[in-house]
Amino acid sequence: MLDIANVNEFTDGEIMSIFEVQTPQESVGFQFWKLHQQWYKRVSATLEPYAITHTQFVMMASIAWFQEQDTKPSQAQVGKLMNLDKMAFSKAVRQLEAKGYVQRKKSKTDARAFQLSLTNKALDVVPQAMQAIESVDKDVFGALGERRQTFNKILLLLNKELAH
């Protein structure tokens, strides 16, 4: 690893580089960041007509997924699925409650827990937004072709490794 304190030292007449790669194209982190920026811009623009953020959409989609499994999810279950810090999660829940998309009720089995459910208003919006977001994903990740499943498996692996 390069000692940043000595970055200006010369070796054989050349300045030592702080980079481990020769070009930005070789940097996995930089390429991932660029892809994320392009994808996120498209997602945000797609959700704009629904007046919801991407985080709010993912929260509603997560609740919808639990509801399709005949589960009334707790805030903790949805938060764990989304891997979102508690402050950001609470803020998004409050915003969705204020917009009339999410209901929060005390759990009947755990006095400390809240169950989340989608309102009828959300049940009208979520399928439309989901279809629009799936279209963005197909546009962005469609270039992977048959490798899309492999890419998803790599993302699952990285998420699992980083969760520890």
C-alpha atoms as a PDB file:
ATOM      1  CA  MET A   1       0.000   0.000   0.000  1.00  0.00           C
ATOM      2  CA  LEU A   2       1.278   3.465  -0.853  1.00  0.00           C
ATOM      3  CA  ASP A   3       2.300   5.758   1.983  1.00  0.00           C
ATOM      4  CA  ILE A   4       0.333   8.953   1.240  1.00  0.00           C
ATOM      5  CA  ALA A   5       2.796  10.994   3.315  1.00  0.00           C
ATOM      6  CA  ASN A   6       5.491  10.152   0.755  1.00  0.00           C
ATOM      7  CA  VAL A   7       3.360  10.609  -2.369  1.00  0.00           C
ATOM      8  CA  ASN A   8       5.692  13.279  -3.739  1.00  0.00           C
ATOM      9  CA  GLU A   9       8.784  11.135  -3.524  1.00  0.00           C
ATOM     10  CA  PHE A  10      10.439  10.316  -6.822  1.00  0.00           C
ATOM     11  CA  THR A  11      11.562   6.892  -7.941  1.00  0.00           C
ATOM     12  CA  ASP A  12      13.541   6.585 -11.136  1.00  0.00           C
ATOM     13  CA  GLY A  13      12.415  10.088 -12.123  1.00  0.00           C
ATOM     14  CA  GLU A  14       8.695   9.309 -11.847  1.00  0.00           C
ATOM     15  CA  ILE A  15       6.156  10.510  -9.319  1.00  0.00           C
ATOM     16  CA  MET A  16       4.655   7.661  -7.339  1.00  0.00           C
ATOM     17  CA  SER A  17       0.936   7.337  -7.917  1.00  0.00           C
ATOM     18  CA  ILE A  18      -1.690   7.030  -5.208  1.00  0.00           C
ATOM     19  CA  PHE A  19      -3.745   4.847  -7.570  1.00  0.00           C
ATOM     20  CA  GLU A  20      -3.604   1.066  -7.741  1.00  0.00           C
ATOM     21  CA  VAL A  21      -4.887   1.076 -11.332  1.00  0.00           C
ATOM     22  CA  GLN A  22      -3.534   2.682 -14.476  1.00  0.00           C
ATOM     23  CA  THR A  23      -6.826   4.122 -15.757  1.00  0.00           C
ATOM     24  CA  PRO A  24     -10.255   4.972 -14.312  1.00  0.00           C
ATOM     25  CA  GLN A  25     -11.717   2.224 -16.503  1.00  0.00           C
ATOM     26  CA  GLU A  26      -9.808  -0.328 -14.420  1.00  0.00           C
ATOM     27  CA  SER A  27     -11.288   0.879 -11.114  1.00  0.00           C
ATOM     28  CA  VAL A  28     -14.167  -1.364 -10.031  1.00  0.00           C
ATOM     29  CA  GLY A  29     -15.323   1.150  -7.430  1.00  0.00           C
ATOM     30  CA  PHE A  30     -15.346   4.033  -9.880  1.00  0.00           C
ATOM     31  CA  GLN A  31     -17.190   2.030 -12.543  1.00  0.00           C
ATOM     32  CA  PHE A  32     -19.737   0.836  -9.959  1.00  0.00           C
ATOM     33  CA  TRP A  33     -20.244   4.432  -8.792  1.00  0.00           C
ATOM     34  CA  LYS A  34     -20.780   5.620 -12.382  1.00  0.00           C
ATOM     35  CA  LEU A  35     -23.288   2.828 -13.067  1.00  0.00           C
ATOM     36  CA  HIS A  36     -25.101   3.552  -9.814  1.00  0.00           C
ATOM     37  CA  GLN A  37     -25.335   7.262 -10.712  1.00  0.00           C
ATOM     38  CA  GLN A  38     -26.810   6.520 -14.143  1.00  0.00           C
ATOM     39  CA  TRP A  39     -29.248   3.954 -12.765  1.00  0.00           C
ATOM     40  CA  TYR A  40     -30.261   6.173  -9.816  1.00  0.00           C
ATOM     41  CA  LYS A  41     -30.964   9.166 -12.077  1.00  0.00           C
ATOM     42  CA  ARG A  42     -33.276   7.013 -14.186  1.00  0.00           C
ATOM     43  CA  VAL A  43     -35.007   5.549 -11.131  1.00  0.00           C
ATOM     44  CA  SER A  44     -35.514   8.998  -9.583  1.00  0.00           C
ATOM     45  CA  ALA A  45     -36.942  10.404 -12.819  1.00  0.00           C
ATOM     46  CA  THR A  46     -39.241   7.399 -13.137  1.00  0.00           C
ATOM     47  CA  LEU A  47     -40.589   7.836  -9.598  1.00  0.00           C
ATOM     48  CA  GLU A  48     -41.053  11.598  -9.906  1.00  0.00           C
ATOM     49  CA  PRO A  49     -44.655  11.364 -11.229  1.00  0.00           C
ATOM     50  CA  TYR A  50     -45.560   9.333  -8.130  1.00  0.00           C
ATOM     51  CA  ALA A  51     -43.995  11.946  -5.804  1.00  0.00           C
ATOM     52  CA  ILE A  52     -42.016   9.302  -3.917  1.00  0.00           C
ATOM     53  CA  THR A  53     -38.313   8.788  -3.370  1.00  0.00           C
ATOM     54  CA  HIS A  54     -36.471   5.602  -4.259  1.00  0.00           C
ATOM     55  CA  THR A  55     -36.192   4.731  -0.565  1.00  0.00           C
ATOM     56  CA  GLN A  56     -39.938   5.201  -0.139  1.00  0.00           C
ATOM     57  CA  PHE A  57     -40.603   3.043  -3.189  1.00  0.00           C
ATOM     58  CA  VAL A  58     -38.333   0.252  -1.925  1.00  0.00           C
ATOM     59  CA  MET A  59     -40.050   0.408   1.461  1.00  0.00           C
ATOM     60  CA  MET A  60     -43.515   0.097  -0.089  1.00  0.00           C
ATOM     61  CA  ALA A  61     -42.339  -2.667  -2.434  1.00  0.00           C
ATOM     62  CA  SER A  62     -40.841  -4.515   0.542  1.00  0.00           C
ATOM     63  CA  ILE A  63     -44.080  -4.235   2.514  1.00  0.00           C
ATOM     64  CA  ALA A  64     -46.000  -5.395  -0.574  1.00  0.00           C
ATOM     65  CA  TRP A  65     -43.703  -8.410  -0.870  1.00  0.00           C
ATOM     66  CA  PHE A  66     -44.367  -9.365   2.763  1.00  0.00           C
ATOM     67  CA  GLN A  67     -48.112  -8.853   2.262  1.00  0.00           C
ATOM     68  CA  GLU A  68     -48.060 -11.137  -0.801  1.00  0.00           C
ATOM     69  CA  GLN A  69     -46.572 -13.784   1.519  1.00  0.00           C
ATOM     70  CA  ASP A  70     -49.542 -13.249   3.881  1.00  0.00           C
ATOM     71  CA  THR A  71     -47.253 -11.621   6.443  1.00  0.00           C
ATOM     72  CA  LYS A  72     -47.924  -8.415   8.330  1.00  0.00           C
ATOM     73  CA  PRO A  73     -44.332  -7.226   8.598  1.00  0.00           C
ATOM     74  CA  SER A  74     -42.905  -5.395  11.547  1.00  0.00           C
ATOM     75  CA  GLN A  75     -40.828  -2.274  11.072  1.00  0.00           C
ATOM     76  CA  ALA A  76     -37.818  -4.359  12.099  1.00  0.00           C
ATOM     77  CA  GLN A  77     -38.484  -6.991   9.407  1.00  0.00           C
ATOM     78  CA  VAL A  78     -38.806  -4.405   6.647  1.00  0.00           C
ATOM     79  CA  GLY A  79     -35.780  -2.498   7.940  1.00  0.00           C
ATOM     80  CA  LYS A  80     -33.686  -5.666   7.971  1.00  0.00           C
ATOM     81  CA  LEU A  81     -34.739  -6.577   4.428  1.00  0.00           C
ATOM     82  CA  MET A  82     -33.872  -3.083   3.199  1.00  0.00           C
ATOM     83  CA  ASN A  83     -30.661  -2.835   5.254  1.00  0.00           C
ATOM     84  CA  LEU A  84     -31.453   0.800   5.983  1.00  0.00           C
ATOM     85  CA  ASP A  85     -30.254   2.595   9.104  1.00  0.00           C
ATOM     86  CA  LYS A  86     -32.950   3.200  11.717  1.00  0.00           C
ATOM     87  CA  MET A  87     -33.048   6.998  11.390  1.00  0.00           C
ATOM     88  CA  ALA A  88     -33.483   6.936   7.595  1.00  0.00           C
ATOM     89  CA  PHE A  89     -36.023   4.137   7.933  1.00  0.00           C
ATOM     90  CA  SER A  90     -38.095   6.013  10.540  1.00  0.00           C
ATOM     91  CA  LYS A  91     -38.038   9.162   8.437  1.00  0.00           C
ATOM     92  CA  ALA A  92     -39.264   7.275   5.362  1.00  0.00           C
ATOM     93  CA  VAL A  93     -42.055   5.584   7.359  1.00  0.00           C
ATOM     94  CA  ARG A  94     -43.237   8.931   8.728  1.00  0.00           C
ATOM     95  CA  GLN A  95     -43.194  10.467   5.239  1.00  0.00           C
ATOM     96  CA  LEU A  96     -45.180   7.566   3.793  1.00  0.00           C
ATOM     97  CA  GLU A  97     -47.673   7.780   6.657  1.00  0.00           C
ATOM     98  CA  ALA A  98     -48.109  11.498   5.991  1.00  0.00           C
ATOM     99  CA  LYS A  99     -48.716  10.798   2.285  1.00  0.00           C
ATOM    100  CA  GLY A 100     -51.317   8.182   3.155  1.00  0.00           C
ATOM    101  CA  TYR A 101     -49.372   5.227   1.758  1.00  0.00           C
ATOM    102  CA  VAL A 102     -48.433   3.315   4.917  1.00  0.00           C
ATOM    103  CA  GLN A 103     -50.207   2.492   8.159  1.00  0.00           C
ATOM    104  CA  ARG A 104     -48.275   1.750  11.298  1.00  0.00           C
ATOM    105  CA  LYS A 105     -50.025  -0.188  14.067  1.00  0.00           C
ATOM    106  CA  LYS A 106     -48.832  -1.527  17.393  1.00  0.00           C
ATOM    107  CA  SER A 107     -48.144  -5.239  17.206  1.00  0.00           C
ATOM    108  CA  LYS A 108     -50.630  -7.450  19.018  1.00  0.00           C
ATOM    109  CA  THR A 109     -47.851  -9.843  20.041  1.00  0.00           C
ATOM    110  CA  ASP A 110     -45.010  -7.413  20.919  1.00  0.00           C
ATOM    111  CA  ALA A 111     -45.775  -4.111  22.636  1.00  0.00           C
ATOM    112  CA  ARG A 112     -42.458  -2.634  21.450  1.00  0.00           C
ATOM    113  CA  ALA A 113     -43.020  -3.443  17.774  1.00  0.00           C
ATOM    114  CA  PHE A 114     -45.040  -1.813  15.027  1.00  0.00           C
ATOM    115  CA  GLN A 115     -46.573  -3.603  12.068  1.00  0.00           C
ATOM    116  CA  LEU A 116     -46.559  -1.906   8.681  1.00  0.00           C
ATOM    117  CA  SER A 117     -49.187  -2.229   5.986  1.00  0.00           C
ATOM    118  CA  LEU A 118     -49.945  -0.514   2.714  1.00  0.00           C
ATOM    119  CA  THR A 119     -53.080   1.582   2.351  1.00  0.00           C
ATOM    120  CA  ASN A 120     -55.455   1.262  -0.581  1.00  0.00           C
ATOM    121  CA  LYS A 121     -53.840   4.398  -2.009  1.00  0.00           C
ATOM    122  CA  ALA A 122     -50.453   2.628  -1.954  1.00  0.00           C
ATOM    123  CA  LEU A 123     -51.934  -0.533  -3.439  1.00  0.00           C
ATOM    124  CA  ASP A 124     -52.981   1.584  -6.436  1.00  0.00           C
ATOM    125  CA  VAL A 125     -49.550   3.197  -6.837  1.00  0.00           C
ATOM    126  CA  VAL A 126     -47.086   0.403  -6.049  1.00  0.00           C
ATOM    127  CA  PRO A 127     -47.925  -1.895  -8.999  1.00  0.00           C
ATOM    128  CA  GLN A 128     -47.629   1.012 -11.450  1.00  0.00           C
ATOM    129  CA  ALA A 129     -44.357   2.210  -9.935  1.00  0.00           C
ATOM    130  CA  MET A 130     -43.042  -1.374  -9.828  1.00  0.00           C
ATOM    131  CA  GLN A 131     -43.725  -1.838 -13.524  1.00  0.00           C
ATOM    132  CA  ALA A 132     -41.962   1.461 -14.299  1.00  0.00           C
ATOM    133  CA  ILE A 133     -38.923   0.550 -12.163  1.00  0.00           C
ATOM    134  CA  GLU A 134     -38.717  -2.924 -13.697  1.00  0.00           C
ATOM    135  CA  SER A 135     -38.584  -1.212 -17.087  1.00  0.00           C
ATOM    136  CA  VAL A 136     -35.641   0.923 -15.918  1.00  0.00           C
ATOM    137  CA  ASP A 137     -33.872  -2.188 -14.635  1.00  0.00           C
ATOM    138  CA  LYS A 138     -34.400  -3.952 -17.971  1.00  0.00           C
ATOM    139  CA  ASP A 139     -33.029  -0.933 -19.832  1.00  0.00           C
ATOM    140  CA  VAL A 140     -29.974  -0.595 -17.616  1.00  0.00           C
ATOM    141  CA  PHE A 141     -29.161  -4.249 -16.980  1.00  0.00           C
ATOM    142  CA  GLY A 142     -30.517  -5.663 -20.237  1.00  0.00           C
ATOM    143  CA  ALA A 143     -27.073  -5.336 -21.800  1.00  0.00           C
ATOM    144  CA  LEU A 144     -25.973  -8.192 -19.536  1.00  0.00           C
ATOM    145  CA  GLY A 145     -28.257 -10.604 -21.368  1.00  0.00           C
ATOM    146  CA  GLU A 146     -27.978 -14.086 -19.893  1.00  0.00           C
ATOM    147  CA  ARG A 147     -25.272 -12.811 -17.525  1.00  0.00           C
ATOM    148  CA  ARG A 148     -27.872 -10.781 -15.600  1.00  0.00           C
ATOM    149  CA  GLN A 149     -28.531 -13.699 -13.214  1.00  0.00           C
ATOM    150  CA  THR A 150     -24.792 -14.080 -12.622  1.00  0.00           C
ATOM    151  CA  PHE A 151     -24.537 -10.350 -11.917  1.00  0.00           C
ATOM    152  CA  ASN A 152     -27.388 -10.652  -9.412  1.00  0.00           C
ATOM    153  CA  LYS A 153     -25.663 -13.596  -7.706  1.00  0.00           C
ATOM    154  CA  ILE A 154     -22.486 -11.516  -7.413  1.00  0.00           C
ATOM    155  CA  LEU A 155     -24.483  -8.664  -5.854  1.00  0.00           C
ATOM    156  CA  LEU A 156     -26.094 -11.113  -3.400  1.00  0.00           C
ATOM    157  CA  LEU A 157     -22.667 -12.465  -2.470  1.00  0.00           C
ATOM    158  CA  LEU A 158     -21.217  -8.979  -1.927  1.00  0.00           C
ATOM    159  CA  ASN A 159     -24.234  -7.890   0.146  1.00  0.00           C
ATOM    160  CA  LYS A 160     -23.910 -11.019   2.277  1.00  0.00           C
ATOM    161  CA  GLU A 161     -20.182 -10.495   2.808  1.00  0.00           C
ATOM    162  CA  LEU A 162     -20.592  -6.822   3.699  1.00  0.00           C
ATOM    163  CA  ALA A 163     -23.412  -7.575   6.153  1.00  0.00           C
ATOM    164  CA  HIS A 164     -20.969  -9.329   8.485  1.00  0.00           C
END
